[in-house]
Structures are given as C-alpha cells and as structure tokens.
PDB file of all heavy atoms in Angstrom:
ATOM      1  N   MET A   1       4.997  11.876  55.061  1.00  0.00           N
ATOM      2  CA  MET A   1       5.837  11.402  53.951  1.00  0.00           C
ATOM      3  C   MET A   1       7.149  12.175  53.943  1.00  0.00           C
ATOM      4  O   MET A   1       7.146  13.397  54.017  1.00  0.00           O
ATOM      5  CB  MET A   1       5.115  11.590  52.619  1.00  0.00           C
ATOM      6  CG  MET A   1       5.934  11.141  51.406  1.00  0.00           C
ATOM      7  SD  MET A   1       5.134  11.541  49.849  1.00  0.00           S
ATOM      8  CE  MET A   1       3.660  10.551  49.974  1.00  0.00           C
ATOM      9  N   SER A   2       8.257  11.448  53.848  1.00  0.00           N
ATOM     10  CA  SER A   2       9.569  12.088  53.809  1.00  0.00           C
ATOM     11  C   SER A   2       9.942  12.453  52.373  1.00  0.00           C
ATOM     12  O   SER A   2       9.297  12.007  51.409  1.00  0.00           O
ATOM     13  CB  SER A   2      10.626  11.146  54.377  1.00  0.00           C
ATOM     14  OG  SER A   2      10.826  10.035  53.510  1.00  0.00           O
ATOM     15  N   LEU A   3      10.991  13.270  52.231  1.00  0.00           N
ATOM     16  CA  LEU A   3      11.465  13.654  50.904  1.00  0.00           C
ATOM     17  C   LEU A   3      11.919  12.428  50.125  1.00  0.00           C
ATOM     18  O   LEU A   3      11.621  12.294  48.928  1.00  0.00           O
ATOM     19  CB  LEU A   3      12.618  14.656  51.040  1.00  0.00           C
ATOM     20  CG  LEU A   3      13.304  15.080  49.734  1.00  0.00           C
ATOM     21  CD1 LEU A   3      12.310  15.717  48.776  1.00  0.00           C
ATOM     22  CD2 LEU A   3      14.460  16.036  50.033  1.00  0.00           C
ATOM     23  N   LEU A   4      12.633  11.516  50.788  1.00  0.00           N
ATOM     24  CA  LEU A   4      13.119  10.308  50.120  1.00  0.00           C
ATOM     25  C   LEU A   4      11.960   9.464  49.612  1.00  0.00           C
ATOM     26  O   LEU A   4      12.001   8.950  48.487  1.00  0.00           O
ATOM     27  CB  LEU A   4      13.983   9.487  51.081  1.00  0.00           C
ATOM     28  CG  LEU A   4      14.512   8.152  50.533  1.00  0.00           C
ATOM     29  CD1 LEU A   4      15.373   8.390  49.300  1.00  0.00           C
ATOM     30  CD2 LEU A   4      15.294   7.404  51.605  1.00  0.00           C
ATOM     31  N   GLN A   5      10.909   9.333  50.425  1.00  0.00           N
ATOM     32  CA  GLN A   5       9.743   8.554  50.003  1.00  0.00           C
ATOM     33  C   GLN A   5       9.055   9.200  48.808  1.00  0.00           C
ATOM     34  O   GLN A   5       8.615   8.503  47.884  1.00  0.00           O
ATOM     35  CB  GLN A   5       8.777   8.409  51.176  1.00  0.00           C
ATOM     36  CG  GLN A   5       9.284   7.472  52.269  1.00  0.00           C
ATOM     37  CD  GLN A   5       8.451   7.541  53.533  1.00  0.00           C
ATOM     38  OE1 GLN A   5       7.797   8.547  53.810  1.00  0.00           O
ATOM     39  NE2 GLN A   5       8.463   6.476  54.310  1.00  0.00           N
ATOM     40  N   ALA A   6       8.975  10.529  48.794  1.00  0.00           N
ATOM     41  CA  ALA A   6       8.356  11.231  47.670  1.00  0.00           C
ATOM     42  C   ALA A   6       9.155  11.011  46.386  1.00  0.00           C
ATOM     43  O   ALA A   6       8.581  10.789  45.308  1.00  0.00           O
ATOM     44  CB  ALA A   6       8.254  12.727  47.978  1.00  0.00           C
ATOM     45  N   ILE A   7      10.488  11.062  46.491  1.00  0.00           N
ATOM     46  CA  ILE A   7      11.350  10.839  45.325  1.00  0.00           C
ATOM     47  C   ILE A   7      11.216   9.402  44.828  1.00  0.00           C
ATOM     48  O   ILE A   7      11.120   9.155  43.616  1.00  0.00           O
ATOM     49  CB  ILE A   7      12.820  11.165  45.664  1.00  0.00           C
ATOM     50  CG1 ILE A   7      12.988  12.665  45.913  1.00  0.00           C
ATOM     51  CG2 ILE A   7      13.751  10.707  44.531  1.00  0.00           C
ATOM     52  CD1 ILE A   7      14.364  13.060  46.405  1.00  0.00           C
ATOM     53  N   LEU A   8      11.209   8.457  45.767  1.00  0.00           N
ATOM     54  CA  LEU A   8      11.060   7.048  45.388  1.00  0.00           C
ATOM     55  C   LEU A   8       9.729   6.806  44.683  1.00  0.00           C
ATOM     56  O   LEU A   8       9.666   6.079  43.693  1.00  0.00           O
ATOM     57  CB  LEU A   8      11.175   6.158  46.621  1.00  0.00           C
ATOM     58  CG  LEU A   8      12.586   5.992  47.204  1.00  0.00           C
ATOM     59  CD1 LEU A   8      12.538   5.185  48.498  1.00  0.00           C
ATOM     60  CD2 LEU A   8      13.510   5.312  46.186  1.00  0.00           C
ATOM     61  N   MET A   9       8.664   7.435  45.183  1.00  0.00           N
ATOM     62  CA  MET A   9       7.364   7.279  44.540  1.00  0.00           C
ATOM     63  C   MET A   9       7.348   7.932  43.159  1.00  0.00           C
ATOM     64  O   MET A   9       6.711   7.434  42.231  1.00  0.00           O
ATOM     65  CB  MET A   9       6.267   7.836  45.438  1.00  0.00           C
ATOM     66  CG  MET A   9       6.034   6.996  46.690  1.00  0.00           C
ATOM     67  SD  MET A   9       4.737   7.626  47.768  1.00  0.00           S
ATOM     68  CE  MET A   9       3.276   7.246  46.815  1.00  0.00           C
ATOM     69  N   GLY A  10       8.075   9.048  43.025  1.00  0.00           N
ATOM     70  CA  GLY A  10       8.205   9.673  41.708  1.00  0.00           C
ATOM     71  C   GLY A  10       8.947   8.773  40.736  1.00  0.00           C
ATOM     72  O   GLY A  10       8.579   8.657  39.558  1.00  0.00           O
ATOM     73  N   LEU A  11      10.004   8.109  41.222  1.00  0.00           N
ATOM     74  CA  LEU A  11      10.752   7.152  40.399  1.00  0.00           C
ATOM     75  C   LEU A  11       9.863   5.989  39.985  1.00  0.00           C
ATOM     76  O   LEU A  11       9.850   5.577  38.812  1.00  0.00           O
ATOM     77  CB  LEU A  11      11.965   6.635  41.176  1.00  0.00           C
ATOM     78  CG  LEU A  11      13.164   7.574  41.306  1.00  0.00           C
ATOM     79  CD1 LEU A  11      14.157   7.023  42.320  1.00  0.00           C
ATOM     80  CD2 LEU A  11      13.837   7.765  39.946  1.00  0.00           C
ATOM     81  N   ILE A  12       9.111   5.468  40.947  1.00  0.00           N
ATOM     82  CA  ILE A  12       8.221   4.339  40.658  1.00  0.00           C
ATOM     83  C   ILE A  12       7.185   4.739  39.611  1.00  0.00           C
ATOM     84  O   ILE A  12       6.922   4.007  38.655  1.00  0.00           O
ATOM     85  CB  ILE A  12       7.523   3.855  41.948  1.00  0.00           C
ATOM     86  CG1 ILE A  12       8.546   3.225  42.900  1.00  0.00           C
ATOM     87  CG2 ILE A  12       6.421   2.844  41.620  1.00  0.00           C
ATOM     88  CD1 ILE A  12       7.999   2.944  44.280  1.00  0.00           C
ATOM     89  N   GLN A  13       6.593   5.937  39.791  1.00  0.00           N
ATOM     90  CA  GLN A  13       5.585   6.407  38.845  1.00  0.00           C
ATOM     91  C   GLN A  13       6.182   6.593  37.452  1.00  0.00           C
ATOM     92  O   GLN A  13       5.604   6.159  36.452  1.00  0.00           O
ATOM     93  CB  GLN A  13       4.989   7.725  39.341  1.00  0.00           C
ATOM     94  CG  GLN A  13       4.063   8.419  38.342  1.00  0.00           C
ATOM     95  CD  GLN A  13       2.805   7.635  38.084  1.00  0.00           C
ATOM     96  OE1 GLN A  13       2.409   6.820  38.896  1.00  0.00           O
ATOM     97  NE2 GLN A  13       2.172   7.879  36.941  1.00  0.00           N
ATOM     98  N   GLY A  14       7.330   7.255  37.376  1.00  0.00           N
ATOM     99  CA  GLY A  14       7.941   7.518  36.081  1.00  0.00           C
ATOM    100  C   GLY A  14       8.313   6.250  35.343  1.00  0.00           C
ATOM    101  O   GLY A  14       8.153   6.152  34.127  1.00  0.00           O
ATOM    102  N   ILE A  15       8.803   5.254  36.077  1.00  0.00           N
ATOM    103  CA  ILE A  15       9.202   3.988  35.455  1.00  0.00           C
ATOM    104  C   ILE A  15       7.990   3.148  35.073  1.00  0.00           C
ATOM    105  O   ILE A  15       7.900   2.622  33.962  1.00  0.00           O
ATOM    106  CB  ILE A  15      10.121   3.180  36.400  1.00  0.00           C
ATOM    107  CG1 ILE A  15      11.454   3.900  36.585  1.00  0.00           C
ATOM    108  CG2 ILE A  15      10.352   1.770  35.864  1.00  0.00           C
ATOM    109  CD1 ILE A  15      12.328   3.314  37.667  1.00  0.00           C
ATOM    110  N   THR A  16       7.033   3.045  35.991  1.00  0.00           N
ATOM    111  CA  THR A  16       5.935   2.081  35.789  1.00  0.00           C
ATOM    112  C   THR A  16       4.741   2.628  35.021  1.00  0.00           C
ATOM    113  O   THR A  16       3.906   1.860  34.559  1.00  0.00           O
ATOM    114  CB  THR A  16       5.442   1.553  37.154  1.00  0.00           C
ATOM    115  OG1 THR A  16       5.002   2.664  37.962  1.00  0.00           O
ATOM    116  CG2 THR A  16       6.559   0.825  37.882  1.00  0.00           C
ATOM    117  N   GLU A  17       4.628   3.960  34.858  1.00  0.00           N
ATOM    118  CA  GLU A  17       3.511   4.506  34.089  1.00  0.00           C
ATOM    119  C   GLU A  17       3.621   4.118  32.618  1.00  0.00           C
ATOM    120  O   GLU A  17       2.628   3.789  31.970  1.00  0.00           O
ATOM    121  CB  GLU A  17       3.465   6.030  34.212  1.00  0.00           C
ATOM    122  CG  GLU A  17       2.433   6.704  33.308  1.00  0.00           C
ATOM    123  CD  GLU A  17       0.992   6.358  33.663  1.00  0.00           C
ATOM    124  OE1 GLU A  17       0.741   5.896  34.787  1.00  0.00           O
ATOM    125  OE2 GLU A  17       0.120   6.547  32.806  1.00  0.00           O
ATOM    126  N   PHE A  18       4.827   4.138  32.086  1.00  0.00           N
ATOM    127  CA  PHE A  18       5.002   3.883  30.662  1.00  0.00           C
ATOM    128  C   PHE A  18       5.512   2.475  30.371  1.00  0.00           C
ATOM    129  O   PHE A  18       5.212   1.911  29.328  1.00  0.00           O
ATOM    130  CB  PHE A  18       5.922   4.940  30.055  1.00  0.00           C
ATOM    131  CG  PHE A  18       5.383   6.328  30.220  1.00  0.00           C
ATOM    132  CD1 PHE A  18       6.034   7.270  30.989  1.00  0.00           C
ATOM    133  CD2 PHE A  18       4.185   6.695  29.632  1.00  0.00           C
ATOM    134  CE1 PHE A  18       5.526   8.543  31.164  1.00  0.00           C
ATOM    135  CE2 PHE A  18       3.653   7.959  29.788  1.00  0.00           C
ATOM    136  CZ  PHE A  18       4.335   8.892  30.561  1.00  0.00           C
ATOM    137  N   LEU A  19       6.295   1.930  31.276  1.00  0.00           N
ATOM    138  CA  LEU A  19       6.614   0.514  31.149  1.00  0.00           C
ATOM    139  C   LEU A  19       5.380  -0.246  31.645  1.00  0.00           C
ATOM    140  O   LEU A  19       4.774   0.150  32.647  1.00  0.00           O
ATOM    141  CB  LEU A  19       7.854   0.157  31.967  1.00  0.00           C
ATOM    142  CG  LEU A  19       9.139   0.892  31.577  1.00  0.00           C
ATOM    143  CD1 LEU A  19      10.302   0.371  32.421  1.00  0.00           C
ATOM    144  CD2 LEU A  19       9.444   0.735  30.097  1.00  0.00           C
ATOM    145  N   PRO A  20       4.975  -1.314  30.972  1.00  0.00           N
ATOM    146  CA  PRO A  20       3.663  -1.927  31.237  1.00  0.00           C
ATOM    147  C   PRO A  20       3.615  -2.807  32.483  1.00  0.00           C
ATOM    148  O   PRO A  20       3.378  -4.017  32.399  1.00  0.00           O
ATOM    149  CB  PRO A  20       3.436  -2.752  29.968  1.00  0.00           C
ATOM    150  CG  PRO A  20       4.812  -3.160  29.548  1.00  0.00           C
ATOM    151  CD  PRO A  20       5.692  -1.977  29.864  1.00  0.00           C
ATOM    152  N   VAL A  21       3.851  -2.195  33.653  1.00  0.00           N
ATOM    153  CA  VAL A  21       3.845  -2.979  34.883  1.00  0.00           C
ATOM    154  C   VAL A  21       2.938  -2.371  35.951  1.00  0.00           C
ATOM    155  O   VAL A  21       2.960  -2.794  37.095  1.00  0.00           O
ATOM    156  CB  VAL A  21       5.281  -3.124  35.433  1.00  0.00           C
ATOM    157  CG1 VAL A  21       6.126  -3.984  34.513  1.00  0.00           C
ATOM    158  CG2 VAL A  21       5.933  -1.757  35.643  1.00  0.00           C
ATOM    159  N   SER A  22       2.133  -1.382  35.579  1.00  0.00           N
ATOM    160  CA  SER A  22       1.140  -0.748  36.438  1.00  0.00           C
ATOM    161  C   SER A  22       1.736   0.163  37.496  1.00  0.00           C
ATOM    162  O   SER A  22       2.236  -0.280  38.529  1.00  0.00           O
ATOM    163  CB  SER A  22       0.234  -1.774  37.126  1.00  0.00           C
ATOM    164  OG  SER A  22      -0.664  -1.111  38.012  1.00  0.00           O
ATOM    165  N   SER A  23       1.644   1.462  37.237  1.00  0.00           N
ATOM    166  CA  SER A  23       2.120   2.446  38.213  1.00  0.00           C
ATOM    167  C   SER A  23       1.260   2.427  39.467  1.00  0.00           C
ATOM    168  O   SER A  23       1.778   2.468  40.588  1.00  0.00           O
ATOM    169  CB  SER A  23       2.100   3.850  37.591  1.00  0.00           C
ATOM    170  OG  SER A  23       0.782   4.202  37.195  1.00  0.00           O
ATOM    171  N   SER A  24      -0.067   2.341  39.307  1.00  0.00           N
ATOM    172  CA  SER A  24      -0.958   2.364  40.471  1.00  0.00           C
ATOM    173  C   SER A  24      -0.723   1.153  41.359  1.00  0.00           C
ATOM    174  O   SER A  24      -0.756   1.249  42.591  1.00  0.00           O
ATOM    175  CB  SER A  24      -2.427   2.416  40.026  1.00  0.00           C
ATOM    176  OG  SER A  24      -2.747   1.302  39.214  1.00  0.00           O
ATOM    177  N   GLY A  25      -0.463  -0.012  40.743  1.00  0.00           N
ATOM    178  CA  GLY A  25      -0.212  -1.219  41.522  1.00  0.00           C
ATOM    179  C   GLY A  25       1.059  -1.103  42.340  1.00  0.00           C
ATOM    180  O   GLY A  25       1.089  -1.427  43.529  1.00  0.00           O
ATOM    181  N   HIS A  26       2.137  -0.604  41.726  1.00  0.00           N
ATOM    182  CA  HIS A  26       3.408  -0.468  42.437  1.00  0.00           C
ATOM    183  C   HIS A  26       3.340   0.627  43.502  1.00  0.00           C
ATOM    184  O   HIS A  26       3.914   0.485  44.586  1.00  0.00           O
ATOM    185  CB  HIS A  26       4.537  -0.179  41.447  1.00  0.00           C
ATOM    186  CG  HIS A  26       5.011  -1.389  40.703  1.00  0.00           C
ATOM    187  ND1 HIS A  26       4.270  -1.971  39.697  1.00  0.00           N
ATOM    188  CD2 HIS A  26       6.125  -2.156  40.839  1.00  0.00           C
ATOM    189  CE1 HIS A  26       4.923  -3.026  39.237  1.00  0.00           C
ATOM    190  NE2 HIS A  26       6.046  -3.152  39.907  1.00  0.00           N
ATOM    191  N   LEU A  27       2.641   1.718  43.190  1.00  0.00           N
ATOM    192  CA  LEU A  27       2.484   2.773  44.184  1.00  0.00           C
ATOM    193  C   LEU A  27       1.678   2.266  45.385  1.00  0.00           C
ATOM    194  O   LEU A  27       1.987   2.602  46.534  1.00  0.00           O
ATOM    195  CB  LEU A  27       1.786   3.991  43.561  1.00  0.00           C
ATOM    196  CG  LEU A  27       2.634   4.831  42.598  1.00  0.00           C
ATOM    197  CD1 LEU A  27       1.781   5.890  41.929  1.00  0.00           C
ATOM    198  CD2 LEU A  27       3.803   5.482  43.329  1.00  0.00           C
ATOM    199  N   SER A  28       0.656   1.463  45.115  1.00  0.00           N
ATOM    200  CA  SER A  28      -0.154   0.896  46.200  1.00  0.00           C
ATOM    201  C   SER A  28       0.697  -0.005  47.089  1.00  0.00           C
ATOM    202  O   SER A  28       0.623   0.061  48.318  1.00  0.00           O
ATOM    203  CB  SER A  28      -1.335   0.101  45.624  1.00  0.00           C
ATOM    204  OG  SER A  28      -2.231   0.942  44.953  1.00  0.00           O
ATOM    205  N   LEU A  29       1.508  -0.857  46.451  1.00  0.00           N
ATOM    206  CA  LEU A  29       2.368  -1.756  47.217  1.00  0.00           C
ATOM    207  C   LEU A  29       3.359  -0.956  48.064  1.00  0.00           C
ATOM    208  O   LEU A  29       3.618  -1.274  49.227  1.00  0.00           O
ATOM    209  CB  LEU A  29       3.119  -2.706  46.274  1.00  0.00           C
ATOM    210  CG  LEU A  29       2.262  -3.710  45.495  1.00  0.00           C
ATOM    211  CD1 LEU A  29       3.129  -4.502  44.523  1.00  0.00           C
ATOM    212  CD2 LEU A  29       1.538  -4.658  46.448  1.00  0.00           C
ATOM    213  N   PHE A  30       3.927   0.114  47.475  1.00  0.00           N
ATOM    214  CA  PHE A  30       4.886   0.957  48.196  1.00  0.00           C
ATOM    215  C   PHE A  30       4.208   1.667  49.367  1.00  0.00           C
ATOM    216  O   PHE A  30       4.750   1.739  50.477  1.00  0.00           O
ATOM    217  CB  PHE A  30       5.487   1.984  47.232  1.00  0.00           C
ATOM    218  CG  PHE A  30       6.571   2.834  47.849  1.00  0.00           C
ATOM    219  CD1 PHE A  30       7.884   2.395  47.871  1.00  0.00           C
ATOM    220  CD2 PHE A  30       6.277   4.069  48.398  1.00  0.00           C
ATOM    221  CE1 PHE A  30       8.890   3.173  48.435  1.00  0.00           C
ATOM    222  CE2 PHE A  30       7.263   4.859  48.968  1.00  0.00           C
ATOM    223  CZ  PHE A  30       8.578   4.407  48.984  1.00  0.00           C
ATOM    224  N   GLN A  31       3.005   2.203  49.116  1.00  0.00           N
ATOM    225  CA  GLN A  31       2.281   2.921  50.166  1.00  0.00           C
ATOM    226  C   GLN A  31       1.907   1.996  51.319  1.00  0.00           C
ATOM    227  O   GLN A  31       2.003   2.367  52.486  1.00  0.00           O
ATOM    228  CB  GLN A  31       1.031   3.569  49.572  1.00  0.00           C
ATOM    229  CG  GLN A  31       1.350   4.760  48.667  1.00  0.00           C
ATOM    230  CD  GLN A  31       0.156   5.200  47.848  1.00  0.00           C
ATOM    231  OE1 GLN A  31      -0.883   4.549  47.834  1.00  0.00           O
ATOM    232  NE2 GLN A  31       0.290   6.314  47.162  1.00  0.00           N
ATOM    233  N   ILE A  32       1.474   0.774  50.974  1.00  0.00           N
ATOM    234  CA  ILE A  32       1.114  -0.196  52.012  1.00  0.00           C
ATOM    235  C   ILE A  32       2.353  -0.595  52.817  1.00  0.00           C
ATOM    236  O   ILE A  32       2.330  -0.672  54.047  1.00  0.00           O
ATOM    237  CB  ILE A  32       0.445  -1.437  51.387  1.00  0.00           C
ATOM    238  CG1 ILE A  32      -0.926  -1.058  50.812  1.00  0.00           C
ATOM    239  CG2 ILE A  32       0.287  -2.553  52.423  1.00  0.00           C
ATOM    240  CD1 ILE A  32      -1.558  -2.151  49.964  1.00  0.00           C
ATOM    241  N   ALA A  33       3.459  -0.838  52.111  1.00  0.00           N
ATOM    242  CA  ALA A  33       4.690  -1.284  52.778  1.00  0.00           C
ATOM    243  C   ALA A  33       5.231  -0.241  53.751  1.00  0.00           C
ATOM    244  O   ALA A  33       5.764  -0.573  54.809  1.00  0.00           O
ATOM    245  CB  ALA A  33       5.746  -1.634  51.733  1.00  0.00           C
ATOM    246  N   PHE A  34       5.076   1.058  53.403  1.00  0.00           N
ATOM    247  CA  PHE A  34       5.632   2.122  54.241  1.00  0.00           C
ATOM    248  C   PHE A  34       4.566   2.894  55.007  1.00  0.00           C
ATOM    249  O   PHE A  34       4.843   3.952  55.564  1.00  0.00           O
ATOM    250  CB  PHE A  34       6.464   3.081  53.379  1.00  0.00           C
ATOM    251  CG  PHE A  34       7.756   2.489  52.900  1.00  0.00           C
ATOM    252  CD1 PHE A  34       7.816   1.826  51.678  1.00  0.00           C
ATOM    253  CD2 PHE A  34       8.904   2.562  53.667  1.00  0.00           C
ATOM    254  CE1 PHE A  34       9.005   1.262  51.229  1.00  0.00           C
ATOM    255  CE2 PHE A  34      10.093   2.004  53.229  1.00  0.00           C
ATOM    256  CZ  PHE A  34      10.143   1.346  52.009  1.00  0.00           C
ATOM    257  N   GLY A  35       3.325   2.368  54.994  1.00  0.00           N
ATOM    258  CA  GLY A  35       2.262   3.007  55.760  1.00  0.00           C
ATOM    259  C   GLY A  35       1.899   4.384  55.263  1.00  0.00           C
ATOM    260  O   GLY A  35       1.650   5.296  56.050  1.00  0.00           O
ATOM    261  N   LEU A  36       1.851   4.560  53.924  1.00  0.00           N
ATOM    262  CA  LEU A  36       1.572   5.875  53.349  1.00  0.00           C
ATOM    263  C   LEU A  36       0.194   5.941  52.694  1.00  0.00           C
ATOM    264  O   LEU A  36      -0.035   6.720  51.779  1.00  0.00           O
ATOM    265  CB  LEU A  36       2.640   6.228  52.298  1.00  0.00           C
ATOM    266  CG  LEU A  36       4.074   6.320  52.815  1.00  0.00           C
ATOM    267  CD1 LEU A  36       5.037   6.523  51.658  1.00  0.00           C
ATOM    268  CD2 LEU A  36       4.199   7.457  53.814  1.00  0.00           C
ATOM    269  N   GLU A  37      -0.737   5.119  53.169  1.00  0.00           N
ATOM    270  CA  GLU A  37      -2.055   5.097  52.555  1.00  0.00           C
ATOM    271  C   GLU A  37      -2.728   6.476  52.591  1.00  0.00           C
ATOM    272  O   GLU A  37      -3.561   6.796  51.748  1.00  0.00           O
ATOM    273  CB  GLU A  37      -2.973   4.080  53.271  1.00  0.00           C
ATOM    274  CG  GLU A  37      -2.581   2.631  53.038  1.00  0.00           C
ATOM    275  CD  GLU A  37      -1.623   2.112  54.106  1.00  0.00           C
ATOM    276  OE1 GLU A  37      -0.946   2.953  54.735  1.00  0.00           O
ATOM    277  OE2 GLU A  37      -1.565   0.898  54.317  1.00  0.00           O
ATOM    278  N   GLU A  38      -2.337   7.293  53.589  1.00  0.00           N
ATOM    279  CA  GLU A  38      -2.992   8.589  53.731  1.00  0.00           C
ATOM    280  C   GLU A  38      -2.648   9.555  52.612  1.00  0.00           C
ATOM    281  O   GLU A  38      -3.268  10.586  52.467  1.00  0.00           O
ATOM    282  CB  GLU A  38      -2.624   9.229  55.088  1.00  0.00           C
ATOM    283  CG  GLU A  38      -1.188   9.721  55.205  1.00  0.00           C
ATOM    284  CD  GLU A  38      -0.223   8.616  55.617  1.00  0.00           C
ATOM    285  OE1 GLU A  38      -0.662   7.453  55.704  1.00  0.00           O
ATOM    286  OE2 GLU A  38       0.964   8.917  55.855  1.00  0.00           O
TER     287      GLU A  38
END
C-alpha cells in the first residue's frame, strides 16, 4: 500500500463512516479496484 492509497482510504473512511453510504462498502470497492485486499 502506498502513502497516497492510505490517505485516500482515510478520506473514504472519514467521509463514509458518518455520511450514510457505508464506509466498509466503499473501502471494499477501493481495495478490490486497487488490489489491496491484503
């Protein structure tokens, strides 16, 4: 995982955890798209 990917995932988590759009769902989609399942 690169620094940029970590920051992007932090942004996704911060936005989607409290806005009702599912943080886990968006993180899963991001991880699958960039091969970060590990």
